N, C-alpha and C. Protein backbone atom coordinates (compact mmCIF):
# COMPACT_ATOMS: atom_id res chain seq x y z
N MET A 1 0.81 -1.16 -0.01
CA MET A 1 0.00 0.06 -0.06
C MET A 1 0.89 1.21 0.01
N LYS A 2 0.86 2.03 -1.00
CA LYS A 2 1.57 3.31 -1.15
C LYS A 2 1.13 4.51 -0.27
N HIS A 3 -0.07 4.67 -0.12
CA HIS A 3 -0.54 5.91 0.62
C HIS A 3 -1.25 5.47 1.82
N LYS A 4 -0.65 5.30 2.87
CA LYS A 4 -1.23 5.12 4.19
C LYS A 4 -1.63 6.50 4.91
N VAL A 5 -2.88 6.73 5.24
CA VAL A 5 -3.29 7.76 5.90
C VAL A 5 -3.81 7.46 7.32
N SER A 6 -3.03 8.23 8.28
CA SER A 6 -3.29 7.92 9.80
C SER A 6 -4.83 8.30 9.91
N ILE A 7 -5.44 7.57 10.70
CA ILE A 7 -6.90 7.92 11.27
C ILE A 7 -6.62 8.99 12.28
N PRO A 8 -7.10 10.15 12.06
CA PRO A 8 -6.92 11.24 13.24
C PRO A 8 -7.71 10.92 14.44
N LYS A 9 -7.34 11.76 15.35
CA LYS A 9 -8.01 11.58 16.71
C LYS A 9 -9.46 12.43 16.75
N SER A 10 -9.50 13.31 15.79
CA SER A 10 -10.74 14.11 15.49
C SER A 10 -10.80 14.45 14.09
N LEU A 11 -12.15 14.70 13.68
CA LEU A 11 -12.33 15.29 12.45
C LEU A 11 -13.63 16.24 12.47
N LYS A 12 -13.68 17.19 11.61
CA LYS A 12 -14.93 18.12 11.50
C LYS A 12 -15.79 17.59 10.54
N PHE A 13 -17.06 17.50 10.76
CA PHE A 13 -18.08 17.31 9.90
C PHE A 13 -19.12 18.34 9.92
N GLY A 14 -19.23 19.32 8.97
CA GLY A 14 -20.15 20.45 9.05
C GLY A 14 -19.83 21.43 10.17
N GLY A 15 -18.53 21.56 10.54
CA GLY A 15 -18.20 22.46 11.63
C GLY A 15 -18.28 21.82 12.98
N PHE A 16 -18.80 20.51 12.97
CA PHE A 16 -18.80 19.92 14.30
C PHE A 16 -17.53 18.99 14.52
N ASP A 17 -16.96 19.01 15.70
CA ASP A 17 -15.79 18.16 15.95
C ASP A 17 -16.29 16.88 16.46
N TYR A 18 -15.89 15.83 15.81
CA TYR A 18 -16.08 14.54 16.11
C TYR A 18 -14.82 13.82 16.63
N SER A 19 -14.77 13.40 17.85
CA SER A 19 -13.58 12.47 18.21
C SER A 19 -13.58 11.29 17.73
N ILE A 20 -12.50 10.56 17.55
CA ILE A 20 -12.33 9.30 17.08
C ILE A 20 -11.65 8.41 18.11
N ASP A 21 -12.37 7.58 18.59
CA ASP A 21 -11.94 6.67 19.75
C ASP A 21 -11.54 5.25 19.20
N MET A 22 -10.29 4.84 19.49
CA MET A 22 -9.87 3.55 19.07
C MET A 22 -9.21 2.74 20.45
N SER A 23 -9.67 3.17 21.53
CA SER A 23 -9.12 2.65 22.77
C SER A 23 -9.37 1.21 23.11
N GLN A 24 -8.77 0.67 23.82
CA GLN A 24 -8.92 -0.87 24.10
C GLN A 24 -10.41 -0.94 24.90
N SER A 25 -10.83 0.01 25.60
CA SER A 25 -12.22 -0.23 26.19
C SER A 25 -13.20 -0.08 25.13
N THR A 26 -12.90 0.70 24.15
CA THR A 26 -13.84 0.80 23.00
C THR A 26 -13.81 -0.42 22.29
N VAL A 27 -12.92 -1.00 21.91
CA VAL A 27 -12.57 -2.27 21.14
C VAL A 27 -13.40 -3.38 21.98
N GLN A 28 -13.39 -3.42 23.32
CA GLN A 28 -14.04 -4.38 24.00
C GLN A 28 -15.68 -4.17 24.03
N GLN A 29 -16.10 -2.95 24.01
CA GLN A 29 -17.31 -2.63 24.13
C GLN A 29 -18.01 -3.05 22.51
N LEU A 30 -17.26 -2.62 21.52
CA LEU A 30 -17.84 -2.79 20.28
C LEU A 30 -17.83 -4.47 20.00
N MET A 31 -16.77 -5.11 20.33
CA MET A 31 -16.73 -6.67 20.20
C MET A 31 -18.02 -7.25 20.90
N GLY A 32 -18.33 -6.81 22.10
CA GLY A 32 -19.40 -7.13 22.97
C GLY A 32 -20.77 -6.99 22.06
N ARG A 33 -20.85 -5.94 21.41
CA ARG A 33 -22.04 -5.80 20.63
C ARG A 33 -21.93 -6.32 19.10
N GLY A 34 -20.86 -6.85 18.90
CA GLY A 34 -20.78 -7.46 17.52
C GLY A 34 -20.46 -6.32 16.42
N HIS A 35 -20.11 -5.24 16.68
CA HIS A 35 -19.83 -4.16 15.76
C HIS A 35 -18.41 -3.71 15.42
N TYR A 36 -18.22 -3.40 14.31
CA TYR A 36 -16.89 -3.04 13.76
C TYR A 36 -16.58 -1.54 14.23
N GLY A 37 -17.56 -0.84 14.33
CA GLY A 37 -17.47 0.79 14.59
C GLY A 37 -18.95 1.20 14.83
N GLU A 38 -18.89 2.46 15.33
CA GLU A 38 -20.15 3.08 15.59
C GLU A 38 -19.85 4.78 15.52
N CYS A 39 -21.12 5.34 15.02
CA CYS A 39 -20.98 6.81 14.97
C CYS A 39 -22.11 7.36 15.88
N ALA A 40 -21.66 8.09 16.89
CA ALA A 40 -22.86 8.74 17.76
C ALA A 40 -22.95 10.18 17.51
N GLY A 41 -24.08 10.54 16.83
CA GLY A 41 -24.26 11.94 16.55
C GLY A 41 -24.48 12.79 17.64
N MET A 42 -25.09 12.23 18.78
CA MET A 42 -25.48 13.11 19.82
C MET A 42 -24.17 13.51 20.54
N THR A 43 -23.25 12.57 20.74
CA THR A 43 -22.00 12.89 21.35
C THR A 43 -20.93 13.32 20.44
N LYS A 44 -21.17 13.23 19.14
CA LYS A 44 -20.12 13.62 18.20
C LYS A 44 -18.77 12.80 18.37
N GLU A 45 -18.89 11.58 18.31
CA GLU A 45 -17.99 10.53 18.40
C GLU A 45 -18.10 9.32 17.44
N ILE A 46 -16.87 8.98 16.93
CA ILE A 46 -16.80 7.79 16.13
C ILE A 46 -16.01 6.83 16.97
N ARG A 47 -16.36 5.54 17.06
CA ARG A 47 -15.64 4.56 17.82
C ARG A 47 -15.40 3.34 16.66
N LEU A 48 -14.15 3.04 16.80
CA LEU A 48 -13.63 2.00 15.89
C LEU A 48 -12.98 0.83 16.64
N ASP A 49 -13.13 -0.30 16.26
CA ASP A 49 -12.59 -1.57 16.69
C ASP A 49 -11.13 -1.63 15.86
N SER A 50 -10.16 -1.18 16.50
CA SER A 50 -8.69 -1.08 16.11
C SER A 50 -8.07 -2.44 15.94
N SER A 51 -8.67 -3.58 16.33
CA SER A 51 -8.17 -4.90 16.23
C SER A 51 -8.61 -5.56 14.92
N GLN A 52 -9.28 -4.93 13.94
CA GLN A 52 -9.65 -5.50 12.79
C GLN A 52 -8.57 -5.54 11.87
N SER A 53 -8.64 -6.31 10.80
CA SER A 53 -7.63 -6.25 9.70
C SER A 53 -7.54 -5.03 9.21
N PRO A 54 -6.23 -4.53 8.58
CA PRO A 54 -6.07 -3.06 7.93
C PRO A 54 -7.16 -2.77 7.08
N GLN A 55 -7.49 -3.73 6.13
CA GLN A 55 -8.51 -3.50 5.10
C GLN A 55 -9.89 -3.05 5.78
N GLN A 56 -10.24 -3.96 6.82
CA GLN A 56 -11.51 -3.77 7.35
C GLN A 56 -11.63 -2.51 8.23
N LEU A 57 -10.47 -2.24 8.86
CA LEU A 57 -10.37 -0.84 9.66
C LEU A 57 -10.68 0.27 8.75
N SER A 58 -9.93 0.32 7.59
CA SER A 58 -10.08 1.24 6.57
C SER A 58 -11.57 1.53 6.04
N GLU A 59 -12.18 0.37 5.87
CA GLU A 59 -13.55 0.41 5.25
C GLU A 59 -14.61 0.87 6.40
N THR A 60 -14.25 0.46 7.69
CA THR A 60 -15.11 0.83 8.83
C THR A 60 -15.05 2.37 9.00
N PHE A 61 -13.83 2.82 8.90
CA PHE A 61 -13.52 4.29 9.15
C PHE A 61 -14.32 5.02 8.01
N ILE A 62 -14.23 4.57 6.94
CA ILE A 62 -15.01 5.37 5.62
C ILE A 62 -16.54 5.17 6.09
N HIS A 63 -17.16 4.12 6.39
CA HIS A 63 -18.42 3.94 6.68
C HIS A 63 -18.84 4.80 7.85
N GLU A 64 -18.15 4.94 8.91
CA GLU A 64 -18.39 5.82 10.01
C GLU A 64 -18.31 7.23 9.77
N CYS A 65 -17.48 7.59 8.79
CA CYS A 65 -17.41 9.06 8.36
C CYS A 65 -18.72 9.26 7.60
N LEU A 66 -18.96 8.39 6.75
CA LEU A 66 -20.37 8.60 6.01
C LEU A 66 -21.51 8.65 6.81
N GLU A 67 -21.55 7.86 8.04
CA GLU A 67 -22.58 8.05 8.92
C GLU A 67 -22.59 9.39 9.56
N ALA A 68 -21.43 9.92 9.74
CA ALA A 68 -21.35 11.36 10.40
C ALA A 68 -21.85 12.35 9.25
N VAL A 69 -21.53 12.16 8.10
CA VAL A 69 -22.10 13.06 6.96
C VAL A 69 -23.66 12.98 6.98
N SER A 70 -24.10 11.79 7.13
CA SER A 70 -25.61 11.53 6.99
C SER A 70 -26.24 12.39 8.09
N THR A 71 -25.71 12.18 9.34
CA THR A 71 -26.16 12.91 10.48
C THR A 71 -26.20 14.35 10.35
N VAL A 72 -25.07 14.91 9.88
CA VAL A 72 -24.74 16.41 9.96
C VAL A 72 -25.58 16.96 8.68
N TRP A 73 -25.46 16.44 7.54
CA TRP A 73 -26.07 17.08 6.27
C TRP A 73 -27.38 16.34 5.85
N CYS A 74 -27.65 15.34 6.20
CA CYS A 74 -28.87 14.50 5.59
C CYS A 74 -29.85 14.23 6.73
N ASP A 75 -29.69 14.86 7.87
CA ASP A 75 -30.75 14.51 9.02
C ASP A 75 -30.90 13.06 9.05
N ARG A 76 -29.79 12.37 9.12
CA ARG A 76 -29.85 10.93 9.10
C ARG A 76 -30.64 10.29 8.02
N GLY A 77 -30.76 11.01 6.83
CA GLY A 77 -31.63 10.57 5.77
C GLY A 77 -31.11 9.45 4.93
N VAL A 78 -29.82 9.08 5.11
CA VAL A 78 -29.34 8.05 4.10
C VAL A 78 -29.63 6.71 4.93
N ALA A 79 -30.46 5.80 4.21
CA ALA A 79 -30.60 4.45 4.80
C ALA A 79 -29.40 3.87 4.99
N HIS A 80 -29.26 3.00 6.18
CA HIS A 80 -28.17 2.35 6.42
C HIS A 80 -27.53 1.34 5.56
N ASP A 81 -28.48 0.64 4.80
CA ASP A 81 -27.93 -0.37 3.79
C ASP A 81 -27.38 0.49 2.64
N HIS A 82 -27.91 1.74 2.23
CA HIS A 82 -27.37 2.42 1.18
C HIS A 82 -26.11 2.93 1.62
N LEU A 83 -25.90 3.47 2.81
CA LEU A 83 -24.60 3.84 3.34
C LEU A 83 -23.59 2.92 3.23
N SER A 84 -23.86 1.62 3.70
CA SER A 84 -22.96 0.52 3.68
C SER A 84 -22.44 0.15 2.29
N ILE A 85 -23.26 0.48 1.28
CA ILE A 85 -22.92 0.03 -0.09
C ILE A 85 -22.10 1.02 -0.63
N LEU A 86 -22.32 2.42 -0.23
CA LEU A 86 -21.38 3.52 -0.54
C LEU A 86 -20.11 3.46 -0.06
N ALA A 87 -19.97 3.03 1.24
CA ALA A 87 -18.68 2.92 2.02
C ALA A 87 -17.94 1.76 1.44
N THR A 88 -18.61 0.54 1.03
CA THR A 88 -17.88 -0.48 0.48
C THR A 88 -17.27 -0.10 -0.88
N GLY A 89 -18.13 0.54 -1.77
CA GLY A 89 -17.73 1.07 -3.02
C GLY A 89 -16.60 2.02 -2.96
N LEU A 90 -16.68 3.05 -2.10
CA LEU A 90 -15.62 4.06 -1.95
C LEU A 90 -14.33 3.36 -1.41
N HIS A 91 -14.45 2.27 -0.38
CA HIS A 91 -13.29 1.76 -0.06
C HIS A 91 -12.54 0.89 -1.08
N GLN A 92 -13.38 0.24 -2.08
CA GLN A 92 -12.82 -0.43 -3.13
C GLN A 92 -11.91 0.39 -4.15
N VAL A 93 -12.64 1.62 -4.43
CA VAL A 93 -11.91 2.57 -5.29
C VAL A 93 -10.58 3.23 -4.35
N LEU A 94 -10.58 3.43 -3.34
CA LEU A 94 -9.33 3.94 -2.49
C LEU A 94 -8.44 2.77 -2.46
N GLU A 95 -8.65 1.56 -2.37
CA GLU A 95 -7.92 0.45 -2.27
C GLU A 95 -7.17 0.35 -3.60
N GLN A 96 -7.91 0.49 -4.72
CA GLN A 96 -7.35 0.37 -6.09
C GLN A 96 -6.44 1.46 -6.25
N LEU A 97 -6.66 2.70 -5.73
CA LEU A 97 -5.69 3.71 -5.85
C LEU A 97 -4.48 3.78 -4.68
N GLU A 98 -4.69 2.57 -3.92
CA GLU A 98 -3.47 2.27 -2.90
C GLU A 98 -3.54 3.31 -1.86
N VAL A 99 -4.66 3.80 -1.39
CA VAL A 99 -4.92 4.49 -0.39
C VAL A 99 -5.67 3.85 0.75
N ARG A 100 -5.09 3.83 1.88
CA ARG A 100 -5.66 3.12 2.99
C ARG A 100 -5.67 3.85 4.21
N PHE A 101 -6.65 3.93 5.03
CA PHE A 101 -6.86 4.73 6.37
C PHE A 101 -6.13 3.62 7.33
N VAL A 102 -5.16 4.06 8.28
CA VAL A 102 -4.49 3.05 9.16
C VAL A 102 -4.63 3.70 10.48
N ARG A 103 -4.28 2.90 11.47
CA ARG A 103 -4.23 3.26 12.95
C ARG A 103 -2.98 4.16 13.08
């Protein structure tokens, strides 16, 4: 992979600061719920299971960013199954371009 982009500790979506949590306690919570990641619009937080494979972590980060976009700009108007399809498609294109989001 030529272009590894570190996942930041925070990102802005529509002027709102979203923290990005990949702590061990978050990993345990997500595993307990069977989730790779979560986006909480109320608390402006993205939580990621950092124990995933590099490819899965990158796709999950893209997915949760799209969740934040949907929350901020679409009033959560993008159906989750559509959002998942968009995230997977975008991930595939970025992988082909040799761009991956990493821990």
